[in-house]
Amino acid sequence: MKKYFKIAFFLLISILHVYSQESIKTVGYEKYIKHDGNWYTYDGTRKGDLVDSKHIIVRLINGGPINNFNFSKFGLNKYKIVRGPYAGGVYELLVPENRDPFLIGKKLISTNAFEYVFLNTFSIISSQTPNDPYFTNSSDYHWNLKKIKMEDVWAITTGSVNVKVAIVDYGVDYNHPDLNNNIGSSLYNFIDDDDDPFPYGGAYHGTAVSGIIGAELNNSLGVSGIAGGWGITKGVDLMVLKVGSDSIGIDNSAAAEAILWAARNGAKVINGSFNSFKSPADISSSIDSALARGTLVVFSTGNYFGSDEGI
């Protein structure tokens, strides 16, 4: 009996070892773990952000054009550029069908030509809009504005059309009657690469965030934005930038490109109400560039995860 127990024990250990080798992979310093058929970032103790295994983020050491890199010299294909250059020489490359993104990443790193190589990831929005039908009509809906004494602030300013505020999110219903007076001309969809960031499929998070910031004040309609103007007087100029959807979450490479684009196109404030377990290098680089231009970048603190981790 002991003999069979030992055999079963070592067989179990072997199975677990093989499973662990197959379910955890590395690309450079980044670790990834497979869970329920999907890959996630991994810090050694828990899974993090959902991995986009179809796209790899790279930056050459000198930050130069990716077209100058000789892929064939290292026995690699020249991969299609999906996005870039952005964030100081960053590119998003398409992983060919039926190819292992982890193997491609390792081969790229082995060339010693890249500053970093990692798989693109998706972030999660910080909160969900309640589905309660009378939520927006609740008598205590604006408790937060009263808490920070917004009435006193509005006595000084209700926002200025000269201040562009970028909403980096799922997109915004720019026809919403409580927002349309403050929607500016800077609209872009970084997912479909067009100028229509309307949230198809019911992605209302960006609209809700825009309402918190720029819903029109004193117009006898809907909610009160903190900088929505007063009556017919416009508030802040809302710059709508779509970088995801409720079906995929926030595409971090699209968000990184949008942040830098917003700063270059006059945004004074950039808002990102989404969370990542670990700030990707391209987003960090874009934030640094935006800050260097004098743009205020505001992110939620990670309340979705119950901590202050993430971007």
C-alpha atoms as a PDB file:
ATOM      1  CA  MET A   1       0.000   0.000   0.000  1.00  0.00           C
ATOM      2  CA  LYS A   2       2.836   2.417   0.876  1.00  0.00           C
ATOM      3  CA  LYS A   3       4.426   1.651  -2.484  1.00  0.00           C
ATOM      4  CA  TYR A   4       1.260   2.653  -4.357  1.00  0.00           C
ATOM      5  CA  PHE A   5       0.818   5.721  -2.180  1.00  0.00           C
ATOM      6  CA  LYS A   6       4.353   6.893  -3.029  1.00  0.00           C
ATOM      7  CA  ILE A   7       3.738   6.310  -6.737  1.00  0.00           C
ATOM      8  CA  ALA A   8       0.468   8.272  -6.590  1.00  0.00           C
ATOM      9  CA  PHE A   9       2.149  11.043  -4.597  1.00  0.00           C
ATOM     10  CA  PHE A  10       5.038  11.468  -7.051  1.00  0.00           C
ATOM     11  CA  LEU A  11       2.593  11.261  -9.971  1.00  0.00           C
ATOM     12  CA  LEU A  12       0.539  14.090  -8.434  1.00  0.00           C
ATOM     13  CA  ILE A  13       3.656  16.187  -7.867  1.00  0.00           C
ATOM     14  CA  SER A  14       4.719  15.610 -11.465  1.00  0.00           C
ATOM     15  CA  ILE A  15       1.292  16.628 -12.771  1.00  0.00           C
ATOM     16  CA  LEU A  16       1.274  19.761 -10.639  1.00  0.00           C
ATOM     17  CA  HIS A  17       4.791  20.608 -11.800  1.00  0.00           C
ATOM     18  CA  VAL A  18       3.855  20.249 -15.465  1.00  0.00           C
ATOM     19  CA  TYR A  19       0.664  22.238 -14.888  1.00  0.00           C
ATOM     20  CA  SER A  20       2.545  25.046 -13.172  1.00  0.00           C
ATOM     21  CA  GLN A  21       5.083  25.185 -15.984  1.00  0.00           C
ATOM     22  CA  GLU A  22       2.310  25.429 -18.566  1.00  0.00           C
ATOM     23  CA  SER A  23       0.159  27.955 -16.699  1.00  0.00           C
ATOM     24  CA  ILE A  24       2.887  30.504 -15.844  1.00  0.00           C
ATOM     25  CA  LYS A  25       5.029  32.096 -18.546  1.00  0.00           C
ATOM     26  CA  THR A  26       7.528  34.928 -18.605  1.00  0.00           C
ATOM     27  CA  VAL A  27       8.586  37.545 -21.130  1.00  0.00           C
ATOM     28  CA  GLY A  28      11.604  39.390 -19.826  1.00  0.00           C
ATOM     29  CA  TYR A  29      10.784  40.621 -16.327  1.00  0.00           C
ATOM     30  CA  GLU A  30       7.036  40.204 -16.838  1.00  0.00           C
ATOM     31  CA  LYS A  31       5.149  37.139 -15.612  1.00  0.00           C
ATOM     32  CA  TYR A  32       1.811  35.868 -16.901  1.00  0.00           C
ATOM     33  CA  ILE A  33      -0.565  33.255 -15.513  1.00  0.00           C
ATOM     34  CA  LYS A  34      -3.363  31.322 -17.212  1.00  0.00           C
ATOM     35  CA  HIS A  35      -6.700  31.218 -15.427  1.00  0.00           C
ATOM     36  CA  ASP A  36      -9.989  29.863 -16.791  1.00  0.00           C
ATOM     37  CA  GLY A  37      -8.610  29.892 -20.321  1.00  0.00           C
ATOM     38  CA  ASN A  38      -7.375  33.497 -20.213  1.00  0.00           C
ATOM     39  CA  TRP A  39      -3.932  34.955 -19.559  1.00  0.00           C
ATOM     40  CA  TYR A  40      -3.338  37.595 -16.869  1.00  0.00           C
ATOM     41  CA  THR A  41      -0.352  39.513 -15.560  1.00  0.00           C
ATOM     42  CA  TYR A  42       1.108  37.860 -12.484  1.00  0.00           C
ATOM     43  CA  ASP A  43       3.134  39.279  -9.591  1.00  0.00           C
ATOM     44  CA  GLY A  44       4.022  35.920  -8.074  1.00  0.00           C
ATOM     45  CA  THR A  45       1.057  35.787  -5.718  1.00  0.00           C
ATOM     46  CA  ARG A  46      -2.087  36.701  -7.679  1.00  0.00           C
ATOM     47  CA  LYS A  47      -3.403  37.358 -11.170  1.00  0.00           C
ATOM     48  CA  GLY A  48      -3.643  40.944 -12.324  1.00  0.00           C
ATOM     49  CA  ASP A  49      -4.804  42.510 -15.590  1.00  0.00           C
ATOM     50  CA  LEU A  50      -6.325  40.582 -18.482  1.00  0.00           C
ATOM     51  CA  VAL A  51      -3.713  40.044 -21.208  1.00  0.00           C
ATOM     52  CA  ASP A  52      -4.271  40.980 -24.839  1.00  0.00           C
ATOM     53  CA  SER A  53      -2.348  38.083 -26.373  1.00  0.00           C
ATOM     54  CA  LYS A  54      -2.808  39.429 -29.912  1.00  0.00           C
ATOM     55  CA  HIS A  55      -0.568  42.450 -29.420  1.00  0.00           C
ATOM     56  CA  ILE A  56       2.982  43.046 -28.151  1.00  0.00           C
ATOM     57  CA  ILE A  57       4.294  46.393 -26.926  1.00  0.00           C
ATOM     58  CA  VAL A  58       7.939  47.174 -27.766  1.00  0.00           C
ATOM     59  CA  ARG A  59      10.421  50.032 -27.664  1.00  0.00           C
ATOM     60  CA  LEU A  60      13.907  49.961 -29.161  1.00  0.00           C
ATOM     61  CA  ILE A  61      16.702  50.912 -26.777  1.00  0.00           C
ATOM     62  CA  ASN A  62      17.427  54.091 -28.711  1.00  0.00           C
ATOM     63  CA  GLY A  63      13.724  54.851 -29.146  1.00  0.00           C
ATOM     64  CA  GLY A  64      14.177  54.825 -32.910  1.00  0.00           C
ATOM     65  CA  PRO A  65      11.756  53.810 -35.682  1.00  0.00           C
ATOM     66  CA  ILE A  66      10.831  50.135 -35.604  1.00  0.00           C
ATOM     67  CA  ASN A  67      11.207  50.011 -39.409  1.00  0.00           C
ATOM     68  CA  ASN A  68      14.959  50.436 -38.916  1.00  0.00           C
ATOM     69  CA  PHE A  69      15.148  47.141 -37.020  1.00  0.00           C
ATOM     70  CA  ASN A  70      16.318  44.180 -39.099  1.00  0.00           C
ATOM     71  CA  PHE A  71      13.895  41.430 -38.056  1.00  0.00           C
ATOM     72  CA  SER A  72      15.202  38.925 -40.607  1.00  0.00           C
ATOM     73  CA  LYS A  73      18.715  39.160 -39.144  1.00  0.00           C
ATOM     74  CA  PHE A  74      17.376  37.388 -36.056  1.00  0.00           C
ATOM     75  CA  GLY A  75      15.135  34.972 -37.931  1.00  0.00           C
ATOM     76  CA  LEU A  76      11.993  36.961 -37.115  1.00  0.00           C
ATOM     77  CA  ASN A  77       9.100  38.123 -39.234  1.00  0.00           C
ATOM     78  CA  LYS A  78       8.476  41.827 -39.698  1.00  0.00           C
ATOM     79  CA  TYR A  79       5.348  42.266 -37.630  1.00  0.00           C
ATOM     80  CA  LYS A  80       2.491  44.585 -38.583  1.00  0.00           C
ATOM     81  CA  ILE A  81       2.434  47.896 -36.685  1.00  0.00           C
ATOM     82  CA  VAL A  82      -0.980  48.423 -35.089  1.00  0.00           C
ATOM     83  CA  ARG A  83      -0.125  51.572 -33.148  1.00  0.00           C
ATOM     84  CA  GLY A  84       2.844  53.868 -32.996  1.00  0.00           C
ATOM     85  CA  PRO A  85       5.136  55.490 -32.611  1.00  0.00           C
ATOM     86  CA  TYR A  86       3.780  56.956 -29.370  1.00  0.00           C
ATOM     87  CA  ALA A  87       5.069  57.558 -25.844  1.00  0.00           C
ATOM     88  CA  GLY A  88       8.643  58.189 -26.953  1.00  0.00           C
ATOM     89  CA  GLY A  89       9.118  55.486 -29.576  1.00  0.00           C
ATOM     90  CA  VAL A  90       6.674  52.819 -28.400  1.00  0.00           C
ATOM     91  CA  TYR A  91       4.986  50.510 -30.921  1.00  0.00           C
ATOM     92  CA  GLU A  92       2.162  47.998 -30.680  1.00  0.00           C
ATOM     93  CA  LEU A  93       2.800  44.997 -32.948  1.00  0.00           C
ATOM     94  CA  LEU A  94       0.261  42.446 -34.162  1.00  0.00           C
ATOM     95  CA  VAL A  95       0.879  38.803 -33.265  1.00  0.00           C
ATOM     96  CA  PRO A  96       0.189  36.649 -36.360  1.00  0.00           C
ATOM     97  CA  GLU A  97      -2.634  34.107 -36.171  1.00  0.00           C
ATOM     98  CA  ASN A  98      -1.753  30.838 -34.445  1.00  0.00           C
ATOM     99  CA  ARG A  99       1.596  32.174 -33.211  1.00  0.00           C
ATOM    100  CA  ASP A 100       2.742  32.033 -29.599  1.00  0.00           C
ATOM    101  CA  PRO A 101       2.987  35.644 -28.313  1.00  0.00           C
ATOM    102  CA  PHE A 102       5.198  34.577 -25.401  1.00  0.00           C
ATOM    103  CA  LEU A 103       7.703  32.916 -27.730  1.00  0.00           C
ATOM    104  CA  ILE A 104       7.731  35.969 -30.012  1.00  0.00           C
ATOM    105  CA  GLY A 105       8.292  38.205 -26.991  1.00  0.00           C
ATOM    106  CA  LYS A 106      11.230  36.115 -25.802  1.00  0.00           C
ATOM    107  CA  LYS A 107      12.799  36.143 -29.274  1.00  0.00           C
ATOM    108  CA  LEU A 108      12.478  39.930 -29.453  1.00  0.00           C
ATOM    109  CA  ILE A 109      14.127  40.281 -26.040  1.00  0.00           C
ATOM    110  CA  SER A 110      16.939  37.917 -27.031  1.00  0.00           C
ATOM    111  CA  THR A 111      18.019  40.380 -29.752  1.00  0.00           C
ATOM    112  CA  ASN A 112      19.128  42.811 -26.983  1.00  0.00           C
ATOM    113  CA  ALA A 113      17.810  45.630 -29.173  1.00  0.00           C
ATOM    114  CA  PHE A 114      14.715  46.483 -27.142  1.00  0.00           C
ATOM    115  CA  GLU A 115      14.369  48.537 -23.978  1.00  0.00           C
ATOM    116  CA  TYR A 116      11.219  46.628 -23.133  1.00  0.00           C
ATOM    117  CA  VAL A 117       8.899  44.008 -24.585  1.00  0.00           C
ATOM    118  CA  PHE A 118       5.599  43.015 -22.996  1.00  0.00           C
ATOM    119  CA  LEU A 119       2.086  41.914 -23.928  1.00  0.00           C
ATOM    120  CA  ASN A 120      -0.633  44.532 -24.102  1.00  0.00           C
ATOM    121  CA  THR A 121      -3.213  44.392 -21.296  1.00  0.00           C
ATOM    122  CA  PHE A 122      -6.731  45.597 -20.479  1.00  0.00           C
ATOM    123  CA  SER A 123      -7.582  47.704 -17.432  1.00  0.00           C
ATOM    124  CA  ILE A 124     -10.888  47.727 -15.581  1.00  0.00           C
ATOM    125  CA  ILE A 125     -13.033  50.798 -14.985  1.00  0.00           C
ATOM    126  CA  SER A 126     -13.049  51.984 -11.394  1.00  0.00           C
ATOM    127  CA  SER A 127     -16.756  51.742 -10.726  1.00  0.00           C
ATOM    128  CA  GLN A 128     -20.007  50.687 -12.286  1.00  0.00           C
ATOM    129  CA  THR A 129     -23.045  52.860 -12.932  1.00  0.00           C
ATOM    130  CA  PRO A 130     -25.950  51.595 -10.775  1.00  0.00           C
ATOM    131  CA  ASN A 131     -28.896  50.139 -12.692  1.00  0.00           C
ATOM    132  CA  ASP A 132     -31.415  51.522 -10.194  1.00  0.00           C
ATOM    133  CA  PRO A 133     -33.989  53.417 -12.317  1.00  0.00           C
ATOM    134  CA  TYR A 134     -34.301  56.314  -9.868  1.00  0.00           C
ATOM    135  CA  PHE A 135     -30.643  56.555  -8.921  1.00  0.00           C
ATOM    136  CA  THR A 136     -30.138  59.911 -10.604  1.00  0.00           C
ATOM    137  CA  ASN A 137     -33.300  61.272  -8.995  1.00  0.00           C
ATOM    138  CA  SER A 138     -32.332  60.258  -5.460  1.00  0.00           C
ATOM    139  CA  SER A 139     -32.400  63.111  -2.958  1.00  0.00           C
ATOM    140  CA  ASP A 140     -28.897  62.227  -1.721  1.00  0.00           C
ATOM    141  CA  TYR A 141     -27.331  61.756  -5.189  1.00  0.00           C
ATOM    142  CA  HIS A 142     -25.178  64.866  -4.771  1.00  0.00           C
ATOM    143  CA  TRP A 143     -24.020  64.186  -1.213  1.00  0.00           C
ATOM    144  CA  ASN A 144     -20.409  64.206  -2.440  1.00  0.00           C
ATOM    145  CA  LEU A 145     -20.683  67.703  -3.928  1.00  0.00           C
ATOM    146  CA  LYS A 146     -22.192  68.982  -0.702  1.00  0.00           C
ATOM    147  CA  LYS A 147     -19.444  67.257   1.245  1.00  0.00           C
ATOM    148  CA  ILE A 148     -16.735  69.213  -0.584  1.00  0.00           C
ATOM    149  CA  LYS A 149     -18.824  72.424  -0.460  1.00  0.00           C
ATOM    150  CA  MET A 150     -19.154  72.838  -4.214  1.00  0.00           C
ATOM    151  CA  GLU A 151     -21.749  75.578  -3.681  1.00  0.00           C
ATOM    152  CA  ASP A 152     -18.940  77.778  -2.330  1.00  0.00           C
ATOM    153  CA  VAL A 153     -16.701  76.905  -5.288  1.00  0.00           C
ATOM    154  CA  TRP A 154     -19.458  77.694  -7.802  1.00  0.00           C
ATOM    155  CA  ALA A 155     -19.710  81.153  -6.273  1.00  0.00           C
ATOM    156  CA  ILE A 156     -16.151  81.675  -7.606  1.00  0.00           C
ATOM    157  CA  THR A 157     -16.165  79.649 -10.824  1.00  0.00           C
ATOM    158  CA  THR A 158     -18.360  77.138 -12.632  1.00  0.00           C
ATOM    159  CA  GLY A 159     -15.723  76.106 -15.151  1.00  0.00           C
ATOM    160  CA  SER A 160     -14.262  77.704 -18.258  1.00  0.00           C
ATOM    161  CA  VAL A 161     -14.534  76.790 -21.928  1.00  0.00           C
ATOM    162  CA  ASN A 162     -10.830  77.659 -22.141  1.00  0.00           C
ATOM    163  CA  VAL A 163      -9.994  74.556 -20.095  1.00  0.00           C
ATOM    164  CA  LYS A 164      -9.962  71.302 -22.074  1.00  0.00           C
ATOM    165  CA  VAL A 165     -10.592  68.182 -19.992  1.00  0.00           C
ATOM    166  CA  ALA A 166      -9.837  64.861 -21.714  1.00  0.00           C
ATOM    167  CA  ILE A 167     -12.088  61.925 -20.820  1.00  0.00           C
ATOM    168  CA  VAL A 168     -10.019  58.800 -21.524  1.00  0.00           C
ATOM    169  CA  ASP A 169     -12.672  56.118 -21.227  1.00  0.00           C
ATOM    170  CA  TYR A 170     -15.171  53.878 -23.037  1.00  0.00           C
ATOM    171  CA  GLY A 171     -16.479  56.802 -25.064  1.00  0.00           C
ATOM    172  CA  VAL A 172     -19.227  59.311 -24.320  1.00  0.00           C
ATOM    173  CA  ASP A 173     -22.780  59.908 -25.475  1.00  0.00           C
ATOM    174  CA  TYR A 174     -21.960  63.317 -26.943  1.00  0.00           C
ATOM    175  CA  ASN A 175     -25.643  63.889 -27.762  1.00  0.00           C
ATOM    176  CA  HIS A 176     -26.690  63.655 -24.113  1.00  0.00           C
ATOM    177  CA  PRO A 177     -28.844  66.720 -23.328  1.00  0.00           C
ATOM    178  CA  ASP A 178     -26.974  67.367 -20.082  1.00  0.00           C
ATOM    179  CA  LEU A 179     -23.563  67.230 -21.811  1.00  0.00           C
ATOM    180  CA  ASN A 180     -23.853  68.353 -25.429  1.00  0.00           C
ATOM    181  CA  ASN A 181     -23.335  72.028 -24.617  1.00  0.00           C
ATOM    182  CA  ASN A 182     -19.901  71.206 -23.191  1.00  0.00           C
ATOM    183  CA  ILE A 183     -18.704  68.575 -25.693  1.00  0.00           C
ATOM    184  CA  GLY A 184     -15.831  70.111 -27.647  1.00  0.00           C
ATOM    185  CA  SER A 185     -14.556  69.418 -31.132  1.00  0.00           C
ATOM    186  CA  SER A 186     -11.705  67.120 -30.001  1.00  0.00           C
ATOM    187  CA  LEU A 187     -13.334  63.710 -30.367  1.00  0.00           C
ATOM    188  CA  TYR A 188     -11.448  60.555 -31.264  1.00  0.00           C
ATOM    189  CA  ASN A 189     -11.901  56.802 -31.190  1.00  0.00           C
ATOM    190  CA  PHE A 190      -8.513  55.125 -30.617  1.00  0.00           C
ATOM    191  CA  ILE A 191     -10.055  51.657 -30.926  1.00  0.00           C
ATOM    192  CA  ASP A 192     -11.587  52.014 -34.401  1.00  0.00           C
ATOM    193  CA  ASP A 193      -9.216  54.823 -35.484  1.00  0.00           C
ATOM    194  CA  ASP A 194     -11.951  57.303 -36.372  1.00  0.00           C
ATOM    195  CA  ASP A 195     -13.502  60.482 -34.975  1.00  0.00           C
ATOM    196  CA  ASP A 196     -16.674  58.882 -33.557  1.00  0.00           C
ATOM    197  CA  PRO A 197     -16.261  57.962 -29.865  1.00  0.00           C
ATOM    198  CA  PHE A 198     -19.921  57.156 -29.228  1.00  0.00           C
ATOM    199  CA  PRO A 199     -20.160  54.223 -26.753  1.00  0.00           C
ATOM    200  CA  TYR A 200     -21.840  51.583 -28.886  1.00  0.00           C
ATOM    201  CA  GLY A 201     -23.257  48.652 -26.953  1.00  0.00           C
ATOM    202  CA  GLY A 202     -24.261  50.593 -23.869  1.00  0.00           C
ATOM    203  CA  ALA A 203     -20.866  51.573 -22.425  1.00  0.00           C
ATOM    204  CA  TYR A 204     -22.127  54.376 -20.212  1.00  0.00           C
ATOM    205  CA  HIS A 205     -19.187  54.692 -17.842  1.00  0.00           C
ATOM    206  CA  GLY A 206     -17.543  57.447 -19.886  1.00  0.00           C
ATOM    207  CA  THR A 207     -20.826  59.347 -20.043  1.00  0.00           C
ATOM    208  CA  ALA A 208     -21.222  59.112 -16.268  1.00  0.00           C
ATOM    209  CA  VAL A 209     -17.635  60.323 -15.703  1.00  0.00           C
ATOM    210  CA  SER A 210     -18.215  63.190 -18.128  1.00  0.00           C
ATOM    211  CA  GLY A 211     -21.351  64.089 -16.202  1.00  0.00           C
ATOM    212  CA  ILE A 212     -19.455  64.276 -12.923  1.00  0.00           C
ATOM    213  CA  ILE A 213     -16.995  66.669 -14.533  1.00  0.00           C
ATOM    214  CA  GLY A 214     -19.017  68.639 -17.053  1.00  0.00           C
ATOM    215  CA  ALA A 215     -22.784  68.114 -16.835  1.00  0.00           C
ATOM    216  CA  GLU A 216     -24.438  71.512 -17.337  1.00  0.00           C
ATOM    217  CA  LEU A 217     -25.312  73.411 -14.178  1.00  0.00           C
ATOM    218  CA  ASN A 218     -28.533  75.281 -13.464  1.00  0.00           C
ATOM    219  CA  ASN A 219     -30.340  73.977 -16.543  1.00  0.00           C
ATOM    220  CA  SER A 220     -33.206  72.186 -14.764  1.00  0.00           C
ATOM    221  CA  LEU A 221     -32.008  68.859 -16.164  1.00  0.00           C
ATOM    222  CA  GLY A 222     -30.230  65.754 -14.917  1.00  0.00           C
ATOM    223  CA  VAL A 223     -27.189  66.069 -12.655  1.00  0.00           C
ATOM    224  CA  SER A 224     -24.726  68.816 -11.744  1.00  0.00           C
ATOM    225  CA  GLY A 225     -21.160  68.669 -13.031  1.00  0.00           C
ATOM    226  CA  ILE A 226     -18.430  70.240 -10.953  1.00  0.00           C
ATOM    227  CA  ALA A 227     -17.356  72.456 -13.868  1.00  0.00           C
ATOM    228  CA  GLY A 228     -20.394  72.410 -16.156  1.00  0.00           C
ATOM    229  CA  GLY A 229     -20.937  76.123 -16.616  1.00  0.00           C
ATOM    230  CA  TRP A 230     -24.135  77.908 -15.567  1.00  0.00           C
ATOM    231  CA  GLY A 231     -27.279  77.939 -17.656  1.00  0.00           C
ATOM    232  CA  ILE A 232     -26.348  78.917 -21.211  1.00  0.00           C
ATOM    233  CA  THR A 233     -22.768  79.741 -20.146  1.00  0.00           C
ATOM    234  CA  LYS A 234     -20.491  76.885 -21.117  1.00  0.00           C
ATOM    235  CA  GLY A 235     -18.319  74.982 -18.682  1.00  0.00           C
ATOM    236  CA  VAL A 236     -15.106  73.100 -19.396  1.00  0.00           C
ATOM    237  CA  ASP A 237     -14.453  71.855 -22.917  1.00  0.00           C
ATOM    238  CA  LEU A 238     -14.830  68.057 -22.792  1.00  0.00           C
ATOM    239  CA  MET A 239     -12.357  66.180 -25.021  1.00  0.00           C
ATOM    240  CA  VAL A 240     -13.826  62.726 -25.635  1.00  0.00           C
ATOM    241  CA  LEU A 241     -11.304  59.931 -26.280  1.00  0.00           C
ATOM    242  CA  LYS A 242     -12.560  56.351 -26.655  1.00  0.00           C
ATOM    243  CA  VAL A 243      -9.987  53.719 -25.628  1.00  0.00           C
ATOM    244  CA  GLY A 244     -12.132  50.671 -24.866  1.00  0.00           C
ATOM    245  CA  SER A 245     -15.605  49.224 -24.452  1.00  0.00           C
ATOM    246  CA  ASP A 246     -17.602  47.282 -21.906  1.00  0.00           C
ATOM    247  CA  SER A 247     -16.836  44.085 -23.838  1.00  0.00           C
ATOM    248  CA  ILE A 248     -13.011  44.330 -23.729  1.00  0.00           C
ATOM    249  CA  GLY A 249     -12.329  46.847 -20.953  1.00  0.00           C
ATOM    250  CA  ILE A 250      -9.749  49.616 -21.358  1.00  0.00           C
ATOM    251  CA  ASP A 251      -7.111  48.891 -24.021  1.00  0.00           C
ATOM    252  CA  ASN A 252      -3.978  50.124 -22.272  1.00  0.00           C
ATOM    253  CA  SER A 253      -1.983  50.788 -25.440  1.00  0.00           C
ATOM    254  CA  ALA A 254      -4.871  52.876 -26.802  1.00  0.00           C
ATOM    255  CA  ALA A 255      -5.048  54.715 -23.475  1.00  0.00           C
ATOM    256  CA  ALA A 256      -1.317  55.471 -23.575  1.00  0.00           C
ATOM    257  CA  GLU A 257      -1.619  56.903 -27.076  1.00  0.00           C
ATOM    258  CA  ALA A 258      -4.717  58.910 -26.108  1.00  0.00           C
ATOM    259  CA  ILE A 259      -3.047  60.470 -23.051  1.00  0.00           C
ATOM    260  CA  LEU A 260      -0.151  61.800 -25.100  1.00  0.00           C
ATOM    261  CA  TRP A 261      -2.501  62.872 -27.907  1.00  0.00           C
ATOM    262  CA  ALA A 262      -4.641  64.799 -25.423  1.00  0.00           C
ATOM    263  CA  ALA A 263      -1.635  66.632 -23.971  1.00  0.00           C
ATOM    264  CA  ARG A 264      -0.398  67.537 -27.450  1.00  0.00           C
ATOM    265  CA  ASN A 265      -3.846  68.811 -28.423  1.00  0.00           C
ATOM    266  CA  GLY A 266      -4.316  71.248 -25.587  1.00  0.00           C
ATOM    267  CA  ALA A 267      -5.822  69.255 -22.730  1.00  0.00           C
ATOM    268  CA  LYS A 268      -5.228  70.986 -19.403  1.00  0.00           C
ATOM    269  CA  VAL A 269      -6.595  68.020 -17.443  1.00  0.00           C
ATOM    270  CA  ILE A 270      -6.660  64.333 -18.406  1.00  0.00           C
ATOM    271  CA  ASN A 271      -8.991  62.004 -16.512  1.00  0.00           C
ATOM    272  CA  GLY A 272      -8.630  58.209 -16.424  1.00  0.00           C
ATOM    273  CA  SER A 273     -11.207  56.484 -14.246  1.00  0.00           C
ATOM    274  CA  PHE A 274      -9.794  52.990 -14.664  1.00  0.00           C
ATOM    275  CA  ASN A 275      -7.428  50.715 -12.790  1.00  0.00           C
ATOM    276  CA  SER A 276      -4.519  48.456 -13.612  1.00  0.00           C
ATOM    277  CA  PHE A 277      -2.663  46.259 -11.146  1.00  0.00           C
ATOM    278  CA  LYS A 278       0.583  47.582 -12.570  1.00  0.00           C
ATOM    279  CA  SER A 279       1.031  50.709 -14.657  1.00  0.00           C
ATOM    280  CA  PRO A 280       2.289  49.601 -18.111  1.00  0.00           C
ATOM    281  CA  ALA A 281       5.494  51.270 -19.284  1.00  0.00           C
ATOM    282  CA  ASP A 282       3.818  52.954 -22.257  1.00  0.00           C
ATOM    283  CA  ILE A 283       1.123  54.539 -20.059  1.00  0.00           C
ATOM    284  CA  SER A 284       3.766  55.702 -17.565  1.00  0.00           C
ATOM    285  CA  SER A 285       5.794  57.249 -20.379  1.00  0.00           C
ATOM    286  CA  SER A 286       2.742  59.050 -21.777  1.00  0.00           C
ATOM    287  CA  ILE A 287       1.832  60.378 -18.335  1.00  0.00           C
ATOM    288  CA  ASP A 288       5.385  61.677 -17.840  1.00  0.00           C
ATOM    289  CA  SER A 289       5.244  63.415 -21.218  1.00  0.00           C
ATOM    290  CA  ALA A 290       1.862  64.951 -20.409  1.00  0.00           C
ATOM    291  CA  LEU A 291       3.098  66.210 -17.042  1.00  0.00           C
ATOM    292  CA  ALA A 292       6.171  67.706 -18.720  1.00  0.00           C
ATOM    293  CA  ARG A 293       3.789  69.720 -20.912  1.00  0.00           C
ATOM    294  CA  GLY A 294       2.068  71.106 -17.826  1.00  0.00           C
ATOM    295  CA  THR A 295      -1.030  68.892 -18.113  1.00  0.00           C
ATOM    296  CA  LEU A 296      -2.672  67.649 -14.919  1.00  0.00           C
ATOM    297  CA  VAL A 297      -3.253  63.871 -15.134  1.00  0.00           C
ATOM    298  CA  VAL A 298      -5.856  62.426 -12.751  1.00  0.00           C
ATOM    299  CA  PHE A 299      -6.456  58.718 -12.165  1.00  0.00           C
ATOM    300  CA  SER A 300      -8.671  56.843  -9.748  1.00  0.00           C
ATOM    301  CA  THR A 301      -6.813  55.301  -6.826  1.00  0.00           C
ATOM    302  CA  GLY A 302      -7.715  51.653  -7.300  1.00  0.00           C
ATOM    303  CA  ASN A 303     -10.941  51.507  -5.344  1.00  0.00           C
ATOM    304  CA  TYR A 304     -12.140  48.685  -7.602  1.00  0.00           C
ATOM    305  CA  PHE A 305      -9.524  46.447  -5.986  1.00  0.00           C
ATOM    306  CA  GLY A 306     -10.061  47.802  -2.483  1.00  0.00           C
ATOM    307  CA  SER A 307      -6.548  49.264  -2.351  1.00  0.00           C
ATOM    308  CA  ASP A 308      -4.358  52.055  -3.635  1.00  0.00           C
ATOM    309  CA  GLU A 309      -2.575  49.833  -6.149  1.00  0.00           C
ATOM    310  CA  GLY A 310      -2.476  50.387  -9.892  1.00  0.00           C
ATOM    311  CA  ILE A 311      -2.188  53.475 -12.049  1.00  0.00           C
END
